[in-house]
Amino acid sequence: MKVNLYVRFSTRYGQSLFVTGNVAELGSDVLADAVPMQFFNEELWALSVEIPAGSGAVKYRYVLRETEVNVIVTGKQIGRASW
């Protein structure tokens, strides 16, 4: 099942948003394996990902990275979905 995530979040130069979650397609909650979101403009980021049917409850969170190496904010879980 294709899942589309959109978030309005203002970033500055050098920052990127990622998504991690409790399924392999979202990095299995491993920050190093978080999936990068696509930048659309100064305040809109998006991600389309295929989640297999029957995956159960999918929990995810957004991750803000300052560089490729440093995670500066992991945030709290702000989304939940079940398939």
Protein backbone atom coordinates (compact mmCIF):
# COMPACT_ATOMS: atom_id res chain seq x y z
CA MET A 1 0.00 0.00 0.00
CA LYS A 2 1.39 3.39 -0.95
CA VAL A 3 1.54 5.83 1.96
CA ASN A 4 2.08 9.56 1.44
CA LEU A 5 3.37 11.67 4.32
CA TYR A 6 3.40 15.46 4.21
CA VAL A 7 4.65 17.84 6.87
CA ARG A 8 4.88 21.62 7.02
CA PHE A 9 8.15 22.39 8.72
CA SER A 10 10.50 25.31 8.19
CA THR A 11 14.16 24.34 7.82
CA ARG A 12 17.34 26.29 7.22
CA TYR A 13 20.25 25.61 4.90
CA GLY A 14 21.92 22.30 5.74
CA GLN A 15 18.92 20.75 7.46
CA SER A 16 16.91 17.79 6.16
CA LEU A 17 13.86 15.89 7.34
CA PHE A 18 13.69 12.11 7.56
CA VAL A 19 11.08 9.59 8.72
CA THR A 20 11.72 6.52 10.84
CA GLY A 21 9.20 3.96 11.98
CA ASN A 22 8.59 0.48 13.25
CA VAL A 23 8.62 -1.18 9.81
CA ALA A 24 11.60 -2.01 7.59
CA GLU A 25 10.44 0.41 4.89
CA LEU A 26 10.87 3.25 7.41
CA GLY A 27 14.18 2.07 8.83
CA SER A 28 12.92 -0.15 11.67
CA ASP A 29 13.25 2.73 14.18
CA VAL A 30 17.01 2.94 13.56
CA LEU A 31 17.90 6.62 13.17
CA ALA A 32 20.83 5.83 10.86
CA ASP A 33 18.36 4.07 8.52
CA ALA A 34 15.70 6.79 8.53
CA VAL A 35 14.21 7.53 5.09
CA PRO A 36 14.82 11.02 3.64
CA MET A 37 11.84 13.22 2.82
CA GLN A 38 11.67 15.27 -0.37
CA PHE A 39 11.98 19.06 -0.05
CA PHE A 40 9.29 20.98 -1.97
CA ASN A 41 9.72 24.50 -0.61
CA GLU A 42 10.74 26.35 2.54
CA GLU A 43 7.90 24.79 4.55
CA LEU A 44 6.75 21.60 2.84
CA TRP A 45 8.34 18.15 2.89
CA ALA A 46 6.90 14.88 1.52
CA LEU A 47 7.58 11.15 1.38
CA SER A 48 5.86 8.37 -0.56
CA VAL A 49 6.63 4.85 0.59
CA GLU A 50 5.24 1.38 -0.08
CA ILE A 51 4.19 -0.41 3.12
CA PRO A 52 3.22 -4.08 2.69
CA ALA A 53 -0.38 -4.94 3.48
CA GLY A 54 -0.66 -6.77 6.76
CA SER A 55 2.17 -4.83 8.42
CA GLY A 56 -0.10 -4.04 11.35
CA ALA A 57 0.03 -0.75 13.20
CA VAL A 58 2.67 1.52 11.70
CA LYS A 59 4.20 4.09 14.02
CA TYR A 60 6.49 6.79 12.69
CA ARG A 61 8.27 9.96 13.67
CA TYR A 62 10.03 12.78 11.90
CA VAL A 63 13.76 13.32 12.30
CA LEU A 64 15.54 16.64 11.70
CA ARG A 65 19.18 16.30 10.68
CA GLU A 66 21.67 19.14 10.62
CA THR A 67 24.20 17.20 8.53
CA GLU A 68 24.55 13.68 7.16
CA VAL A 69 26.16 12.64 10.43
CA ASN A 70 24.45 14.54 13.24
CA VAL A 71 20.85 14.12 14.31
CA ILE A 72 19.85 17.26 16.18
CA VAL A 73 16.18 16.58 16.90
CA THR A 74 14.41 13.26 16.95
CA GLY A 75 11.11 14.62 18.21
CA LYS A 76 8.24 12.65 19.58
CA GLN A 77 5.94 10.35 17.73
CA ILE A 78 3.50 12.64 15.94
CA GLY A 79 1.78 10.20 13.66
CA ARG A 80 0.24 6.78 13.75
CA ALA A 81 -1.53 4.67 11.20
CA SER A 82 -2.74 1.11 10.82
CA TRP A 83 -3.02 -0.99 7.67
